[in-house]
């Protein structure tokens, strides 16, 4: 596994434009959040008057 410093050095060599995150494919893990947006929104909306 690459070290943080190696990954940063590689990132500096990459061409990057706009929202092109193609070079990250297969290189990150997306986990579940510790919070639930739908539940939090429901709690807020329950007390809303308008």
N, C-alpha and C. Protein backbone atom coordinates (compact mmCIF):
# COMPACT_ATOMS: atom_id res chain seq x y z
N UNK A 1 0.84 -1.18 0.00
CA UNK A 1 0.00 0.00 0.00
C UNK A 1 0.89 1.24 0.00
N UNK A 2 0.51 2.22 -0.79
CA UNK A 2 1.26 3.46 -0.87
C UNK A 2 1.10 4.27 0.41
N UNK A 3 2.15 5.01 0.74
CA UNK A 3 2.06 5.90 1.89
C UNK A 3 1.30 7.16 1.49
N UNK A 4 0.89 7.91 2.47
CA UNK A 4 0.20 9.17 2.21
C UNK A 4 1.06 10.09 1.35
N UNK A 5 2.34 10.17 1.67
CA UNK A 5 3.25 11.03 0.93
C UNK A 5 3.35 10.60 -0.54
N UNK A 6 3.39 9.30 -0.78
CA UNK A 6 3.45 8.79 -2.15
C UNK A 6 2.19 9.14 -2.92
N UNK A 7 1.04 9.01 -2.27
CA UNK A 7 -0.23 9.32 -2.92
C UNK A 7 -0.34 10.80 -3.24
N UNK A 8 0.12 11.66 -2.34
CA UNK A 8 0.10 13.10 -2.59
C UNK A 8 1.04 13.44 -3.74
N UNK A 9 2.23 12.86 -3.75
CA UNK A 9 3.19 13.11 -4.83
C UNK A 9 2.60 12.69 -6.18
N UNK A 10 1.94 11.55 -6.21
CA UNK A 10 1.32 11.09 -7.45
C UNK A 10 0.20 12.04 -7.89
N UNK A 11 -0.60 12.50 -6.93
CA UNK A 11 -1.70 13.41 -7.25
C UNK A 11 -1.19 14.69 -7.90
N UNK A 12 -0.04 15.17 -7.44
CA UNK A 12 0.52 16.41 -8.02
C UNK A 12 0.95 16.21 -9.48
N UNK A 13 1.21 14.97 -9.89
CA UNK A 13 1.63 14.72 -11.27
C UNK A 13 0.46 14.51 -12.22
N UNK A 14 -0.73 14.34 -11.69
CA UNK A 14 -1.92 14.06 -12.51
C UNK A 14 -2.50 15.33 -13.12
N UNK A 15 -2.97 15.19 -14.35
CA UNK A 15 -3.72 16.26 -14.98
C UNK A 15 -5.11 16.25 -14.37
N UNK A 16 -5.57 17.40 -13.97
CA UNK A 16 -6.87 17.48 -13.32
C UNK A 16 -7.60 18.69 -13.87
N UNK A 17 -8.86 18.45 -14.26
CA UNK A 17 -9.65 19.54 -14.80
C UNK A 17 -11.12 19.31 -14.45
N UNK A 18 -11.76 20.35 -13.91
CA UNK A 18 -13.19 20.26 -13.59
C UNK A 18 -13.47 19.20 -12.55
N UNK A 19 -14.47 18.37 -12.85
CA UNK A 19 -14.92 17.35 -11.91
C UNK A 19 -14.47 15.96 -12.33
N UNK A 20 -13.34 15.84 -13.00
CA UNK A 20 -12.85 14.55 -13.47
C UNK A 20 -12.05 13.84 -12.37
N UNK A 21 -12.71 12.94 -11.68
CA UNK A 21 -12.06 12.19 -10.60
C UNK A 21 -11.75 10.75 -11.03
N UNK A 22 -11.63 10.53 -12.32
CA UNK A 22 -11.41 9.20 -12.88
C UNK A 22 -10.20 8.50 -12.25
N UNK A 23 -9.14 9.25 -11.96
CA UNK A 23 -7.93 8.62 -11.42
C UNK A 23 -8.15 8.04 -10.02
N UNK A 24 -9.27 8.37 -9.38
CA UNK A 24 -9.56 7.83 -8.05
C UNK A 24 -10.34 6.51 -8.10
N UNK A 25 -10.83 6.13 -9.28
CA UNK A 25 -11.61 4.89 -9.39
C UNK A 25 -10.82 3.71 -8.85
N UNK A 26 -11.45 2.97 -7.93
CA UNK A 26 -10.82 1.81 -7.34
C UNK A 26 -9.79 2.13 -6.27
N UNK A 27 -9.66 3.42 -5.92
CA UNK A 27 -8.62 3.81 -4.98
C UNK A 27 -9.18 4.41 -3.70
N UNK A 28 -10.44 4.33 -3.51
CA UNK A 28 -11.03 4.86 -2.30
C UNK A 28 -12.17 3.96 -1.84
N UNK A 29 -12.50 4.06 -0.59
CA UNK A 29 -13.59 3.29 -0.03
C UNK A 29 -14.59 4.27 0.56
N UNK A 30 -15.81 4.16 0.13
CA UNK A 30 -16.85 5.05 0.63
C UNK A 30 -17.66 4.29 1.66
N UNK A 31 -17.71 4.81 2.84
CA UNK A 31 -18.44 4.16 3.92
C UNK A 31 -19.73 4.88 4.23
N UNK A 32 -20.53 4.27 5.03
CA UNK A 32 -21.77 4.88 5.47
C UNK A 32 -21.45 5.96 6.48
N UNK A 33 -22.26 6.99 6.47
CA UNK A 33 -22.09 8.06 7.44
C UNK A 33 -22.62 7.62 8.79
N UNK A 34 -22.21 8.32 9.83
CA UNK A 34 -22.69 7.99 11.16
C UNK A 34 -24.04 8.64 11.43
N UNK A 35 -24.57 9.39 10.46
CA UNK A 35 -25.85 10.06 10.60
C UNK A 35 -26.73 9.74 9.40
N UNK A 36 -28.02 9.96 9.55
CA UNK A 36 -28.98 9.66 8.50
C UNK A 36 -29.71 10.95 8.12
N UNK A 37 -29.45 11.42 6.90
CA UNK A 37 -30.01 12.70 6.46
C UNK A 37 -31.54 12.71 6.54
N UNK A 38 -32.16 11.64 6.06
CA UNK A 38 -33.63 11.58 6.05
C UNK A 38 -34.20 11.69 7.47
N UNK A 39 -33.59 11.01 8.42
CA UNK A 39 -34.05 11.06 9.81
C UNK A 39 -33.86 12.46 10.39
N UNK A 40 -32.68 13.05 10.16
CA UNK A 40 -32.42 14.40 10.68
C UNK A 40 -33.37 15.43 10.08
N UNK A 41 -33.63 15.32 8.79
CA UNK A 41 -34.55 16.24 8.14
C UNK A 41 -35.95 16.08 8.69
N UNK A 42 -36.38 14.84 8.90
CA UNK A 42 -37.71 14.58 9.46
C UNK A 42 -37.87 15.19 10.84
N UNK A 43 -36.82 15.11 11.66
CA UNK A 43 -36.88 15.72 12.98
C UNK A 43 -37.03 17.23 12.89
N UNK A 44 -36.32 17.84 11.98
CA UNK A 44 -36.41 19.31 11.81
C UNK A 44 -37.77 19.73 11.25
N UNK A 45 -38.23 19.00 10.25
CA UNK A 45 -39.50 19.36 9.60
C UNK A 45 -40.69 19.16 10.53
N UNK A 46 -40.58 18.22 11.44
CA UNK A 46 -41.69 17.96 12.37
C UNK A 46 -42.01 19.19 13.21
N UNK A 47 -41.02 20.00 13.49
CA UNK A 47 -41.23 21.19 14.30
C UNK A 47 -41.39 22.46 13.49
N UNK A 48 -41.41 22.36 12.17
CA UNK A 48 -41.50 23.55 11.32
C UNK A 48 -42.95 23.99 11.19
N UNK A 49 -43.17 25.30 11.22
CA UNK A 49 -44.53 25.85 11.08
C UNK A 49 -44.87 26.16 9.63
N UNK A 50 -43.86 26.40 8.82
CA UNK A 50 -44.11 26.73 7.41
C UNK A 50 -43.13 25.99 6.52
